[in-house]
Amino acid sequence: MKVIEMLYKDYKKVEDKYEKRSGSYDSSRKTIEVIVPDDFEYELKFKKPVEYKKFPVCPDNIVGYTDKAACIKLPYRSDYCDFEVWISRKLLRGHVVAYAPDFKFCAKKGRGDTAEKIELTGDELAEIFDCDFKHQEYPESDIHIPEKLDPVHTEVLEELKDDDENLV
């Protein structure tokens, strides 16, 4: 008999066959130590963490929010100018959308049964919004910064000054 470390969800499938070591549950890794026969083969495999990609969204394109999602209008300068996409609030942080590489977004144009629907990958959506931000960049030559002016000293004519005695 040998002791191995096993994912708790895998142990639940075979708990009637094998005995667990008492006090061996690891809540952070969700594993448990199990006493199994010497010929038992098991490889501990953890899911690889998903690396999320991100893209910024212009705040003007956010049409509205609900408790669980945000409606975002696709940029006017894109090929999908009248389409809207609903994105989970969990994926939206401020004005940045995070998405998994294999995630698909459904964009709709119109309402009800006659609405035109298309499916876009996260990379396609990021490219659409990246295109929008490229049009908003301004070259430095177009920005005019005025020169600092020297202060002007003025004098008031004596005849325009009020007498303090006449004031109530």
N, C-alpha and C. Protein backbone atom coordinates (compact mmCIF):
# COMPACT_ATOMS: atom_id res chain seq x y z
N MET A 1 0.85 -1.18 0.00
CA MET A 1 0.00 0.00 0.00
C MET A 1 0.89 1.24 0.00
N LYS A 2 0.42 2.28 -0.69
CA LYS A 2 1.15 3.54 -0.74
C LYS A 2 0.19 4.70 -0.55
N VAL A 3 0.75 5.85 -0.23
CA VAL A 3 -0.05 7.06 -0.04
C VAL A 3 0.23 7.99 -1.20
N ILE A 4 -0.84 8.45 -1.87
CA ILE A 4 -0.69 9.39 -2.99
C ILE A 4 -1.56 10.62 -2.72
N GLU A 5 -1.23 11.70 -3.41
CA GLU A 5 -2.03 12.91 -3.33
C GLU A 5 -2.95 12.92 -4.55
N MET A 6 -4.24 13.16 -4.32
CA MET A 6 -5.24 13.07 -5.38
C MET A 6 -6.15 14.29 -5.29
N LEU A 7 -6.62 14.75 -6.45
CA LEU A 7 -7.62 15.83 -6.43
C LEU A 7 -8.87 15.33 -5.72
N TYR A 8 -9.46 16.18 -4.92
CA TYR A 8 -10.61 15.76 -4.11
C TYR A 8 -11.77 15.32 -4.99
N LYS A 9 -11.97 15.99 -6.11
CA LYS A 9 -13.08 15.60 -7.00
C LYS A 9 -12.85 14.20 -7.58
N ASP A 10 -11.58 13.82 -7.83
CA ASP A 10 -11.29 12.47 -8.30
C ASP A 10 -11.48 11.45 -7.18
N TYR A 11 -11.14 11.83 -5.96
CA TYR A 11 -11.31 10.94 -4.82
C TYR A 11 -12.79 10.63 -4.60
N LYS A 12 -13.68 11.61 -4.80
CA LYS A 12 -15.11 11.40 -4.58
C LYS A 12 -15.65 10.30 -5.51
N LYS A 13 -15.01 10.12 -6.66
CA LYS A 13 -15.46 9.08 -7.60
C LYS A 13 -15.09 7.67 -7.11
N VAL A 14 -14.01 7.57 -6.33
CA VAL A 14 -13.52 6.24 -5.91
C VAL A 14 -13.48 6.10 -4.39
N GLU A 15 -14.20 6.93 -3.67
CA GLU A 15 -14.10 6.93 -2.20
C GLU A 15 -14.57 5.63 -1.57
N ASP A 16 -15.45 4.89 -2.24
CA ASP A 16 -15.91 3.63 -1.67
C ASP A 16 -14.85 2.53 -1.78
N LYS A 17 -13.84 2.71 -2.66
CA LYS A 17 -12.81 1.69 -2.86
C LYS A 17 -11.56 1.92 -2.01
N TYR A 18 -11.21 3.18 -1.77
CA TYR A 18 -9.94 3.49 -1.11
C TYR A 18 -10.17 4.34 0.15
N GLU A 19 -9.20 4.26 1.02
CA GLU A 19 -9.29 4.94 2.30
C GLU A 19 -8.45 6.22 2.25
N LYS A 20 -8.97 7.28 2.85
CA LYS A 20 -8.20 8.53 2.91
C LYS A 20 -7.45 8.59 4.23
N ARG A 21 -6.36 9.33 4.22
CA ARG A 21 -5.64 9.57 5.47
C ARG A 21 -6.35 10.68 6.21
N SER A 22 -6.58 10.50 7.48
CA SER A 22 -7.31 11.51 8.23
C SER A 22 -6.49 12.79 8.34
N GLY A 23 -7.17 13.91 8.17
CA GLY A 23 -6.53 15.22 8.28
C GLY A 23 -5.63 15.56 7.12
N SER A 24 -5.83 14.92 5.98
CA SER A 24 -4.92 15.14 4.85
C SER A 24 -5.51 16.05 3.77
N TYR A 25 -6.70 16.61 3.99
CA TYR A 25 -7.31 17.48 2.97
C TYR A 25 -6.61 18.83 2.94
N ASP A 26 -6.20 19.26 1.75
CA ASP A 26 -5.55 20.57 1.55
C ASP A 26 -6.56 21.47 0.83
N SER A 27 -7.14 22.40 1.57
CA SER A 27 -8.21 23.23 0.99
C SER A 27 -7.70 24.21 -0.06
N SER A 28 -6.45 24.65 0.04
CA SER A 28 -5.94 25.61 -0.94
C SER A 28 -5.71 24.95 -2.31
N ARG A 29 -5.28 23.69 -2.32
CA ARG A 29 -5.03 22.99 -3.58
C ARG A 29 -6.16 22.05 -3.94
N LYS A 30 -7.11 21.85 -3.00
CA LYS A 30 -8.24 20.93 -3.16
C LYS A 30 -7.76 19.51 -3.45
N THR A 31 -6.81 19.08 -2.64
CA THR A 31 -6.28 17.72 -2.77
C THR A 31 -6.44 16.98 -1.45
N ILE A 32 -6.29 15.65 -1.53
CA ILE A 32 -6.41 14.80 -0.35
C ILE A 32 -5.42 13.65 -0.52
N GLU A 33 -4.88 13.17 0.60
CA GLU A 33 -3.98 12.02 0.55
C GLU A 33 -4.81 10.75 0.74
N VAL A 34 -4.56 9.78 -0.15
CA VAL A 34 -5.36 8.56 -0.19
C VAL A 34 -4.42 7.36 -0.11
N ILE A 35 -4.83 6.33 0.60
CA ILE A 35 -4.06 5.09 0.69
C ILE A 35 -4.59 4.15 -0.39
N VAL A 36 -3.70 3.77 -1.32
CA VAL A 36 -4.07 2.94 -2.47
C VAL A 36 -3.11 1.76 -2.59
N PRO A 37 -3.46 0.73 -3.37
CA PRO A 37 -2.54 -0.39 -3.60
C PRO A 37 -1.32 0.07 -4.40
N ASP A 38 -0.24 -0.71 -4.34
CA ASP A 38 1.01 -0.34 -5.03
C ASP A 38 0.85 -0.29 -6.54
N ASP A 39 -0.06 -1.05 -7.12
CA ASP A 39 -0.21 -1.07 -8.57
C ASP A 39 -1.14 0.03 -9.10
N PHE A 40 -1.69 0.84 -8.20
CA PHE A 40 -2.61 1.92 -8.60
C PHE A 40 -1.82 3.07 -9.24
N GLU A 41 -2.23 3.49 -10.43
CA GLU A 41 -1.56 4.58 -11.16
C GLU A 41 -2.46 5.83 -11.12
N TYR A 42 -1.88 6.95 -10.76
CA TYR A 42 -2.63 8.22 -10.76
C TYR A 42 -1.63 9.35 -10.95
N GLU A 43 -1.98 10.27 -11.85
CA GLU A 43 -1.13 11.45 -12.07
C GLU A 43 -1.92 12.68 -11.66
N LEU A 44 -1.33 13.46 -10.79
CA LEU A 44 -1.98 14.67 -10.29
C LEU A 44 -1.86 15.76 -11.34
N LYS A 45 -3.00 16.19 -11.88
CA LYS A 45 -3.01 17.21 -12.93
C LYS A 45 -3.85 18.38 -12.48
N PHE A 46 -3.26 19.54 -12.51
CA PHE A 46 -3.99 20.77 -12.21
C PHE A 46 -4.31 21.47 -13.52
N LYS A 47 -5.43 22.15 -13.54
CA LYS A 47 -5.76 22.94 -14.73
C LYS A 47 -4.77 24.08 -14.86
N LYS A 48 -4.38 24.34 -16.09
CA LYS A 48 -3.50 25.48 -16.34
C LYS A 48 -4.32 26.75 -16.21
N PRO A 49 -3.78 27.76 -15.56
CA PRO A 49 -4.54 29.01 -15.46
C PRO A 49 -4.71 29.65 -16.83
N VAL A 50 -5.88 30.17 -17.08
CA VAL A 50 -6.18 30.81 -18.36
C VAL A 50 -5.57 32.21 -18.35
N GLU A 51 -4.85 32.53 -19.40
CA GLU A 51 -4.27 33.88 -19.52
C GLU A 51 -5.26 34.75 -20.29
N TYR A 52 -5.78 35.75 -19.61
CA TYR A 52 -6.75 36.63 -20.22
C TYR A 52 -6.06 37.73 -21.01
N LYS A 53 -6.66 38.08 -22.14
CA LYS A 53 -6.19 39.22 -22.93
C LYS A 53 -7.11 40.39 -22.61
N LYS A 54 -6.65 41.61 -22.90
CA LYS A 54 -7.44 42.79 -22.56
C LYS A 54 -7.44 43.78 -23.72
N PHE A 55 -8.51 44.55 -23.79
CA PHE A 55 -8.56 45.68 -24.73
C PHE A 55 -9.40 46.79 -24.12
N PRO A 56 -9.03 48.06 -24.41
CA PRO A 56 -9.79 49.18 -23.86
C PRO A 56 -11.04 49.48 -24.69
N VAL A 57 -12.04 50.02 -24.02
CA VAL A 57 -13.29 50.42 -24.66
C VAL A 57 -13.50 51.89 -24.37
N CYS A 58 -13.85 52.65 -25.39
CA CYS A 58 -14.14 54.07 -25.21
C CYS A 58 -15.39 54.20 -24.32
N PRO A 59 -15.34 55.01 -23.27
CA PRO A 59 -16.50 55.14 -22.37
C PRO A 59 -17.77 55.60 -23.09
N ASP A 60 -17.63 56.32 -24.19
CA ASP A 60 -18.80 56.77 -24.93
C ASP A 60 -19.54 55.61 -25.59
N ASN A 61 -18.86 54.49 -25.81
CA ASN A 61 -19.48 53.34 -26.46
C ASN A 61 -20.29 52.48 -25.49
N ILE A 62 -20.13 52.70 -24.19
CA ILE A 62 -20.89 51.93 -23.22
C ILE A 62 -22.29 52.54 -23.11
N VAL A 63 -23.27 51.78 -23.59
CA VAL A 63 -24.65 52.28 -23.67
C VAL A 63 -25.33 52.21 -22.32
N GLY A 64 -25.15 51.10 -21.59
CA GLY A 64 -25.82 50.96 -20.31
C GLY A 64 -25.35 49.75 -19.56
N TYR A 65 -25.78 49.67 -18.30
CA TYR A 65 -25.38 48.59 -17.42
C TYR A 65 -26.61 47.93 -16.82
N THR A 66 -26.48 46.65 -16.51
CA THR A 66 -27.43 45.96 -15.64
C THR A 66 -26.60 45.43 -14.47
N ASP A 67 -27.22 44.66 -13.60
CA ASP A 67 -26.47 44.11 -12.47
C ASP A 67 -25.38 43.15 -12.93
N LYS A 68 -25.63 42.44 -14.04
CA LYS A 68 -24.71 41.39 -14.46
C LYS A 68 -23.97 41.66 -15.76
N ALA A 69 -24.36 42.66 -16.51
CA ALA A 69 -23.74 42.87 -17.83
C ALA A 69 -23.72 44.35 -18.20
N ALA A 70 -22.95 44.63 -19.25
CA ALA A 70 -22.89 45.98 -19.81
C ALA A 70 -23.12 45.89 -21.32
N CYS A 71 -23.88 46.81 -21.84
CA CYS A 71 -24.14 46.86 -23.28
C CYS A 71 -23.15 47.84 -23.90
N ILE A 72 -22.39 47.35 -24.88
CA ILE A 72 -21.37 48.17 -25.52
C ILE A 72 -21.65 48.24 -27.01
N LYS A 73 -21.73 49.46 -27.51
CA LYS A 73 -21.97 49.69 -28.93
C LYS A 73 -20.62 49.61 -29.64
N LEU A 74 -20.57 48.92 -30.77
CA LEU A 74 -19.33 48.81 -31.51
C LEU A 74 -19.03 50.16 -32.18
N PRO A 75 -17.75 50.48 -32.36
CA PRO A 75 -17.37 51.81 -32.84
C PRO A 75 -17.99 52.19 -34.19
N TYR A 76 -18.26 53.47 -34.32
CA TYR A 76 -18.88 54.00 -35.54
C TYR A 76 -17.99 53.81 -36.76
N ARG A 77 -16.68 53.91 -36.57
CA ARG A 77 -15.75 53.82 -37.70
C ARG A 77 -15.42 52.38 -38.09
N SER A 78 -16.05 51.41 -37.48
CA SER A 78 -15.79 50.01 -37.83
C SER A 78 -16.82 49.52 -38.84
N ASP A 79 -16.62 48.31 -39.32
CA ASP A 79 -17.58 47.70 -40.25
C ASP A 79 -18.86 47.28 -39.56
N TYR A 80 -18.86 47.28 -38.24
CA TYR A 80 -20.00 46.83 -37.44
C TYR A 80 -20.60 47.99 -36.66
N CYS A 81 -20.80 49.13 -37.32
CA CYS A 81 -21.12 50.37 -36.60
C CYS A 81 -22.44 50.35 -35.84
N ASP A 82 -23.44 49.60 -36.25
CA ASP A 82 -24.72 49.62 -35.55
C ASP A 82 -24.93 48.41 -34.65
N PHE A 83 -23.90 47.63 -34.43
CA PHE A 83 -24.01 46.43 -33.62
C PHE A 83 -23.74 46.74 -32.15
N GLU A 84 -24.38 45.96 -31.27
CA GLU A 84 -24.17 46.06 -29.83
C GLU A 84 -23.76 44.69 -29.32
N VAL A 85 -22.96 44.67 -28.28
CA VAL A 85 -22.55 43.42 -27.66
C VAL A 85 -22.75 43.55 -26.15
N TRP A 86 -23.31 42.51 -25.54
CA TRP A 86 -23.47 42.47 -24.10
C TRP A 86 -22.29 41.73 -23.52
N ILE A 87 -21.61 42.35 -22.54
CA ILE A 87 -20.43 41.76 -21.94
C ILE A 87 -20.66 41.66 -20.44
N SER A 88 -20.32 40.52 -19.88
CA SER A 88 -20.48 40.29 -18.44
C SER A 88 -19.70 41.33 -17.65
N ARG A 89 -20.27 41.77 -16.53
CA ARG A 89 -19.59 42.75 -15.68
C ARG A 89 -18.31 42.16 -15.08
N LYS A 90 -18.24 40.82 -15.00
CA LYS A 90 -17.04 40.18 -14.49
C LYS A 90 -15.87 40.36 -15.44
N LEU A 91 -16.16 40.52 -16.73
CA LEU A 91 -15.11 40.70 -17.72
C LEU A 91 -14.76 42.17 -17.93
N LEU A 92 -15.58 43.07 -17.44
CA LEU A 92 -15.38 44.51 -17.65
C LEU A 92 -14.87 45.15 -16.36
N ARG A 93 -13.68 45.71 -16.41
CA ARG A 93 -13.09 46.42 -15.27
C ARG A 93 -12.84 47.85 -15.70
N GLY A 94 -13.67 48.76 -15.21
CA GLY A 94 -13.56 50.15 -15.65
C GLY A 94 -13.95 50.23 -17.11
N HIS A 95 -13.00 50.55 -17.97
CA HIS A 95 -13.24 50.62 -19.41
C HIS A 95 -12.34 49.64 -20.15
N VAL A 96 -11.99 48.53 -19.48
CA VAL A 96 -11.13 47.51 -20.09
C VAL A 96 -11.87 46.17 -20.03
N VAL A 97 -11.93 45.48 -21.19
CA VAL A 97 -12.57 44.18 -21.28
C VAL A 97 -11.49 43.11 -21.26
N ALA A 98 -11.63 42.12 -20.39
CA ALA A 98 -10.71 40.99 -20.34
C ALA A 98 -11.45 39.78 -20.91
N TYR A 99 -10.74 38.95 -21.69
CA TYR A 99 -11.38 37.80 -22.30
C TYR A 99 -10.37 36.66 -22.46
N ALA A 100 -10.88 35.44 -22.41
CA ALA A 100 -10.06 34.26 -22.66
C ALA A 100 -9.88 34.12 -24.17
N PRO A 101 -8.78 33.54 -24.63
CA PRO A 101 -8.52 33.45 -26.07
C PRO A 101 -9.61 32.71 -26.86
N ASP A 102 -10.28 31.75 -26.25
CA ASP A 102 -11.30 30.98 -26.98
C ASP A 102 -12.72 31.52 -26.79
N PHE A 103 -12.86 32.67 -26.15
CA PHE A 103 -14.18 33.22 -25.84
C PHE A 103 -14.81 33.84 -27.09
N LYS A 104 -16.12 33.64 -27.25
CA LYS A 104 -16.87 34.19 -28.39
C LYS A 104 -17.90 35.19 -27.86
N PHE A 105 -18.05 36.31 -28.56
CA PHE A 105 -19.02 37.34 -28.21
C PHE A 105 -20.10 37.36 -29.29
N CYS A 106 -21.34 37.55 -28.88
CA CYS A 106 -22.46 37.64 -29.82
C CYS A 106 -22.86 39.10 -29.94
N ALA A 107 -22.76 39.65 -31.16
CA ALA A 107 -23.14 41.04 -31.41
C ALA A 107 -24.46 41.05 -32.15
N LYS A 108 -25.35 41.99 -31.79
CA LYS A 108 -26.67 42.08 -32.40
C LYS A 108 -26.88 43.47 -32.99
N LYS A 109 -27.61 43.48 -34.09
CA LYS A 109 -28.01 44.75 -34.73
C LYS A 109 -29.52 44.70 -34.85
N GLY A 110 -30.21 45.59 -34.18
CA GLY A 110 -31.66 45.59 -34.20
C GLY A 110 -32.25 44.91 -32.98
N ARG A 111 -33.57 44.77 -32.96
CA ARG A 111 -34.27 44.21 -31.81
C ARG A 111 -35.19 43.07 -32.25
N GLY A 112 -35.50 42.20 -31.30
CA GLY A 112 -36.49 41.15 -31.53
C GLY A 112 -36.03 40.06 -32.48
N ASP A 113 -37.02 39.47 -33.18
CA ASP A 113 -36.74 38.35 -34.08
C ASP A 113 -36.01 38.77 -35.35
N THR A 114 -36.13 40.02 -35.71
CA THR A 114 -35.51 40.49 -36.96
C THR A 114 -34.07 40.95 -36.75
N ALA A 115 -33.56 40.82 -35.55
CA ALA A 115 -32.20 41.29 -35.25
C ALA A 115 -31.17 40.46 -36.01
N GLU A 116 -30.18 41.15 -36.53
CA GLU A 116 -29.08 40.48 -37.22
C GLU A 116 -28.03 40.15 -36.16
N LYS A 117 -27.60 38.88 -36.12
CA LYS A 117 -26.64 38.44 -35.12
C LYS A 117 -25.37 37.94 -35.80
N ILE A 118 -24.23 38.30 -35.19
CA ILE A 118 -22.96 37.77 -35.65
C ILE A 118 -22.15 37.34 -34.44
N GLU A 119 -21.24 36.40 -34.66
CA GLU A 119 -20.38 35.93 -33.58
C GLU A 119 -18.97 36.41 -33.84
N LEU A 120 -18.38 37.06 -32.84
CA LEU A 120 -17.02 37.59 -32.95
C LEU A 120 -16.14 36.97 -31.89
N THR A 121 -14.91 36.67 -32.24
CA THR A 121 -13.96 36.20 -31.23
C THR A 121 -13.45 37.41 -30.46
N GLY A 122 -12.83 37.16 -29.34
CA GLY A 122 -12.28 38.24 -28.53
C GLY A 122 -11.21 39.02 -29.28
N ASP A 123 -10.39 38.31 -30.08
CA ASP A 123 -9.34 38.99 -30.84
C ASP A 123 -9.94 39.91 -31.91
N GLU A 124 -11.02 39.46 -32.56
CA GLU A 124 -11.69 40.31 -33.55
C GLU A 124 -12.28 41.55 -32.89
N LEU A 125 -12.89 41.36 -31.74
CA LEU A 125 -13.47 42.49 -31.02
C LEU A 125 -12.39 43.47 -30.57
N ALA A 126 -11.27 42.94 -30.11
CA ALA A 126 -10.15 43.80 -29.70
C ALA A 126 -9.62 44.60 -30.89
N GLU A 127 -9.56 43.97 -32.05
CA GLU A 127 -9.10 44.67 -33.26
C GLU A 127 -10.07 45.78 -33.66
N ILE A 128 -11.36 45.53 -33.52
CA ILE A 128 -12.37 46.54 -33.84
C ILE A 128 -12.21 47.76 -32.93
N PHE A 129 -12.04 47.54 -31.63
CA PHE A 129 -11.89 48.65 -30.70
C PHE A 129 -10.52 49.29 -30.82
N ASP A 130 -9.50 48.55 -31.20
CA ASP A 130 -8.17 49.11 -31.42
C ASP A 130 -8.22 50.07 -32.60
N CYS A 131 -8.97 49.73 -33.61
CA CYS A 131 -9.15 50.60 -34.78
C CYS A 131 -9.77 51.92 -34.35
N ASP A 132 -10.74 51.86 -33.43
CA ASP A 132 -11.40 53.07 -32.96
C ASP A 132 -10.42 53.99 -32.24
N PHE A 133 -9.52 53.43 -31.44
CA PHE A 133 -8.58 54.26 -30.71
C PHE A 133 -7.51 54.85 -31.61
N LYS A 134 -7.20 54.20 -32.72
CA LYS A 134 -6.21 54.75 -33.65
C LYS A 134 -6.72 56.04 -34.27
N HIS A 135 -8.03 56.12 -34.50
CA HIS A 135 -8.60 57.33 -35.09
C HIS A 135 -8.65 58.49 -34.10
N GLN A 136 -8.56 58.20 -32.81
CA GLN A 136 -8.66 59.25 -31.81
C GLN A 136 -7.32 59.85 -31.42
N GLU A 137 -6.24 59.31 -31.95
CA GLU A 137 -4.93 59.85 -31.61
C GLU A 137 -4.70 61.16 -32.36
N TYR A 138 -4.05 62.10 -31.71
CA TYR A 138 -3.77 63.39 -32.30
C TYR A 138 -2.26 63.59 -32.37
N PRO A 139 -1.74 63.99 -33.52
CA PRO A 139 -0.30 64.26 -33.57
C PRO A 139 0.03 65.51 -32.76
N GLU A 140 1.26 65.57 -32.27
CA GLU A 140 1.66 66.69 -31.42
C GLU A 140 1.65 68.01 -32.15
N SER A 141 1.84 67.99 -33.47
CA SER A 141 1.90 69.24 -34.23
C SER A 141 0.55 69.97 -34.25
N ASP A 142 -0.55 69.24 -34.05
CA ASP A 142 -1.87 69.86 -34.07
C ASP A 142 -2.21 70.54 -32.74
N ILE A 143 -1.45 70.29 -31.72
CA ILE A 143 -1.73 70.88 -30.41
C ILE A 143 -1.01 72.22 -30.30
N HIS A 144 -1.79 73.27 -30.08
CA HIS A 144 -1.21 74.61 -29.98
C HIS A 144 -1.08 75.00 -28.52
N ILE A 145 0.14 75.30 -28.10
CA ILE A 145 0.38 75.76 -26.73
C ILE A 145 0.78 77.24 -26.83
N PRO A 146 -0.07 78.13 -26.31
CA PRO A 146 0.23 79.57 -26.43
C PRO A 146 1.45 79.95 -25.57
N GLU A 147 2.10 81.03 -26.02
CA GLU A 147 3.25 81.53 -25.27
C GLU A 147 2.76 82.22 -23.99
N LYS A 148 3.60 82.19 -22.98
CA LYS A 148 3.25 82.83 -21.73
C LYS A 148 3.36 84.35 -21.90
N LEU A 149 2.32 85.06 -21.47
CA LEU A 149 2.29 86.51 -21.61
C LEU A 149 2.81 87.19 -20.36
N ASP A 150 3.42 88.36 -20.55
CA ASP A 150 3.87 89.15 -19.41
C ASP A 150 2.67 89.87 -18.82
N PRO A 151 2.63 90.05 -17.51
CA PRO A 151 1.50 90.75 -16.90
C PRO A 151 1.47 92.23 -17.32
N VAL A 152 0.28 92.76 -17.48
CA VAL A 152 0.09 94.15 -17.89
C VAL A 152 -0.26 94.96 -16.65
N HIS A 153 0.46 96.09 -16.44
CA HIS A 153 0.17 96.96 -15.30
C HIS A 153 -0.81 98.03 -15.75
N THR A 154 -1.88 98.18 -14.99
CA THR A 154 -2.91 99.15 -15.34
C THR A 154 -3.01 100.20 -14.25
N GLU A 155 -3.51 101.37 -14.65
CA GLU A 155 -3.74 102.45 -13.69
C GLU A 155 -5.17 102.93 -13.86
N VAL A 156 -5.78 103.31 -12.74
CA VAL A 156 -7.13 103.82 -12.76
C VAL A 156 -7.07 105.33 -12.62
N LEU A 157 -7.84 106.01 -13.47
CA LEU A 157 -7.87 107.47 -13.39
C LEU A 157 -8.47 107.91 -12.06
N GLU A 158 -7.96 108.98 -11.53
CA GLU A 158 -8.41 109.50 -10.24
C GLU A 158 -9.88 109.88 -10.27
N GLU A 159 -10.38 110.39 -11.36
CA GLU A 159 -11.77 110.84 -11.42
C GLU A 159 -12.76 109.68 -11.44
N LEU A 160 -12.26 108.46 -11.73
CA LEU A 160 -13.16 107.29 -11.73
C LEU A 160 -13.20 106.61 -10.37
N LYS A 161 -12.33 106.98 -9.48
CA LYS A 161 -12.30 106.34 -8.17
C LYS A 161 -13.42 106.91 -7.29
N ASP A 162 -14.05 106.07 -6.47
CA ASP A 162 -15.09 106.51 -5.53
C ASP A 162 -14.43 107.00 -4.24
N ASP A 163 -15.14 107.97 -3.63
CA ASP A 163 -14.71 108.41 -2.33
C ASP A 163 -15.24 107.44 -1.28
N ASP A 164 -14.41 107.10 -0.33
CA ASP A 164 -14.84 106.18 0.73
C ASP A 164 -15.86 106.82 1.65
N GLU A 165 -15.91 108.16 1.73
CA GLU A 165 -16.83 108.83 2.63
C GLU A 165 -18.26 108.72 2.18
N ASN A 166 -18.53 108.64 0.89
CA ASN A 166 -19.90 108.61 0.37
C ASN A 166 -20.52 107.23 0.45
N LEU A 167 -19.73 106.24 0.75
CA LEU A 167 -20.27 104.86 0.82
C LEU A 167 -21.00 104.66 2.11
N VAL A 168 -22.12 103.99 2.09
CA VAL A 168 -22.89 103.75 3.32
C VAL A 168 -22.50 102.45 3.92
